[in-house]
Amino acid sequence: MRLLYTEEKKIGLIHRMNGQNREKITAGLTVDIVLKQDQRTGKTTRGVVKDILTKSAFHPHGIKVRLEDGQVGRVKQIIQNP
């Protein structure tokens, strides 16, 4: 398997995409986000998107979202089952 350092990566049976493009993120998607307090460590939190908070089409650090449990952070990975 060739590793691609572009927007999309396939790892095992889970298809992962980065969270920099707003058009790829919708309510109901499972994502990994980095909370503000975890930015230094890069620790991610998994959850389901409730609201998209970033208005621009692209953000280099990830689109900001609110999860269903109320946590807010920037999307690092979109998690989808194929």
C-alpha atoms as a PDB file:
ATOM      1  CA  MET A   1       0.000   0.000   0.000  1.00  0.00           C
ATOM      2  CA  ARG A   2       1.375   3.397  -0.962  1.00  0.00           C
ATOM      3  CA  LEU A   3       1.063   6.117   1.667  1.00  0.00           C
ATOM      4  CA  LEU A   4      -0.413   9.345   0.368  1.00  0.00           C
ATOM      5  CA  TYR A   5       0.372  12.572   2.133  1.00  0.00           C
ATOM      6  CA  THR A   6      -2.558  14.359   0.599  1.00  0.00           C
ATOM      7  CA  GLU A   7      -6.058  15.028   1.788  1.00  0.00           C
ATOM      8  CA  GLU A   8      -7.247  11.429   1.998  1.00  0.00           C
ATOM      9  CA  LYS A   9      -5.704   8.269   3.447  1.00  0.00           C
ATOM     10  CA  LYS A  10      -6.948   4.700   3.586  1.00  0.00           C
ATOM     11  CA  ILE A  11      -5.956   2.857   6.720  1.00  0.00           C
ATOM     12  CA  GLY A  12      -7.302  -0.672   7.081  1.00  0.00           C
ATOM     13  CA  LEU A  13     -11.081  -0.748   6.730  1.00  0.00           C
ATOM     14  CA  ILE A  14     -11.598   2.798   7.957  1.00  0.00           C
ATOM     15  CA  HIS A  15     -11.421   5.638   5.450  1.00  0.00           C
ATOM     16  CA  ARG A  16      -9.951   8.782   7.001  1.00  0.00           C
ATOM     17  CA  MET A  17      -9.936  12.328   5.620  1.00  0.00           C
ATOM     18  CA  ASN A  18      -8.501  15.449   7.151  1.00  0.00           C
ATOM     19  CA  GLY A  19     -10.821  18.152   8.442  1.00  0.00           C
ATOM     20  CA  GLN A  20      -9.604  21.243   6.597  1.00  0.00           C
ATOM     21  CA  ASN A  21     -12.386  21.474   3.991  1.00  0.00           C
ATOM     22  CA  ARG A  22     -15.825  22.530   5.208  1.00  0.00           C
ATOM     23  CA  GLU A  23     -17.623  20.828   2.292  1.00  0.00           C
ATOM     24  CA  LYS A  24     -16.515  17.390   3.578  1.00  0.00           C
ATOM     25  CA  ILE A  25     -17.966  17.902   7.070  1.00  0.00           C
ATOM     26  CA  THR A  26     -21.666  17.479   7.815  1.00  0.00           C
ATOM     27  CA  ALA A  27     -23.775  17.044  10.916  1.00  0.00           C
ATOM     28  CA  GLY A  28     -23.870  13.414  11.976  1.00  0.00           C
ATOM     29  CA  LEU A  29     -20.309  12.546  10.876  1.00  0.00           C
ATOM     30  CA  THR A  30     -17.960  10.853  13.334  1.00  0.00           C
ATOM     31  CA  VAL A  31     -14.773  12.898  13.668  1.00  0.00           C
ATOM     32  CA  ASP A  32     -11.629  13.275  15.751  1.00  0.00           C
ATOM     33  CA  ILE A  33     -11.170  16.819  17.056  1.00  0.00           C
ATOM     34  CA  VAL A  34      -8.489  18.614  19.034  1.00  0.00           C
ATOM     35  CA  LEU A  35      -9.903  20.638  21.905  1.00  0.00           C
ATOM     36  CA  LYS A  36      -8.365  24.048  22.693  1.00  0.00           C
ATOM     37  CA  GLN A  37      -6.778  22.754  25.909  1.00  0.00           C
ATOM     38  CA  ASP A  38      -5.239  19.810  23.994  1.00  0.00           C
ATOM     39  CA  GLN A  39      -3.618  21.832  21.188  1.00  0.00           C
ATOM     40  CA  ARG A  40      -0.133  21.565  22.712  1.00  0.00           C
ATOM     41  CA  THR A  41      -0.281  17.774  23.009  1.00  0.00           C
ATOM     42  CA  GLY A  42      -2.410  17.062  19.936  1.00  0.00           C
ATOM     43  CA  LYS A  43      -4.663  14.699  21.915  1.00  0.00           C
ATOM     44  CA  THR A  44      -7.824  13.969  19.953  1.00  0.00           C
ATOM     45  CA  THR A  45     -11.398  13.438  21.082  1.00  0.00           C
ATOM     46  CA  ARG A  46     -13.834  11.365  19.016  1.00  0.00           C
ATOM     47  CA  GLY A  47     -17.455  12.400  18.633  1.00  0.00           C
ATOM     48  CA  VAL A  48     -20.347  13.117  16.304  1.00  0.00           C
ATOM     49  CA  VAL A  49     -20.706  16.563  14.679  1.00  0.00           C
ATOM     50  CA  LYS A  50     -23.726  18.585  15.787  1.00  0.00           C
ATOM     51  CA  ASP A  51     -22.833  22.049  14.405  1.00  0.00           C
ATOM     52  CA  ILE A  52     -20.179  23.461  12.045  1.00  0.00           C
ATOM     53  CA  LEU A  53     -18.805  26.687  13.524  1.00  0.00           C
ATOM     54  CA  THR A  54     -16.217  27.755  10.906  1.00  0.00           C
ATOM     55  CA  LYS A  55     -17.808  29.839   8.159  1.00  0.00           C
ATOM     56  CA  SER A  56     -14.934  29.735   5.645  1.00  0.00           C
ATOM     57  CA  ALA A  57     -14.582  26.912   3.099  1.00  0.00           C
ATOM     58  CA  PHE A  58     -11.049  26.018   4.261  1.00  0.00           C
ATOM     59  CA  HIS A  59      -9.028  26.340   7.464  1.00  0.00           C
ATOM     60  CA  PRO A  60      -5.403  25.124   7.704  1.00  0.00           C
ATOM     61  CA  HIS A  61      -5.807  23.926  11.309  1.00  0.00           C
ATOM     62  CA  GLY A  62      -9.158  22.222  10.743  1.00  0.00           C
ATOM     63  CA  ILE A  63     -12.792  23.255  10.619  1.00  0.00           C
ATOM     64  CA  LYS A  64     -14.176  24.148  14.055  1.00  0.00           C
ATOM     65  CA  VAL A  65     -17.199  22.070  15.102  1.00  0.00           C
ATOM     66  CA  ARG A  66     -19.421  21.433  18.111  1.00  0.00           C
ATOM     67  CA  LEU A  67     -19.950  17.778  18.944  1.00  0.00           C
ATOM     68  CA  GLU A  68     -23.263  16.325  20.126  1.00  0.00           C
ATOM     69  CA  ASP A  69     -21.914  16.287  23.702  1.00  0.00           C
ATOM     70  CA  GLY A  70     -21.177  20.049  23.500  1.00  0.00           C
ATOM     71  CA  GLN A  71     -17.374  19.920  23.162  1.00  0.00           C
ATOM     72  CA  VAL A  72     -15.852  22.339  20.635  1.00  0.00           C
ATOM     73  CA  GLY A  73     -12.655  21.793  18.672  1.00  0.00           C
ATOM     74  CA  ARG A  74     -11.004  21.614  15.263  1.00  0.00           C
ATOM     75  CA  VAL A  75     -11.464  18.530  13.102  1.00  0.00           C
ATOM     76  CA  LYS A  76      -8.263  16.571  12.547  1.00  0.00           C
ATOM     77  CA  GLN A  77      -9.762  13.452  10.986  1.00  0.00           C
ATOM     78  CA  ILE A  78     -13.119  12.489   9.521  1.00  0.00           C
ATOM     79  CA  ILE A  79     -13.871   8.883  10.433  1.00  0.00           C
ATOM     80  CA  GLN A  80     -16.099   6.917   8.056  1.00  0.00           C
ATOM     81  CA  ASN A  81     -16.792   3.254   7.596  1.00  0.00           C
ATOM     82  CA  PRO A  82     -16.611   2.462   3.851  1.00  0.00           C
END
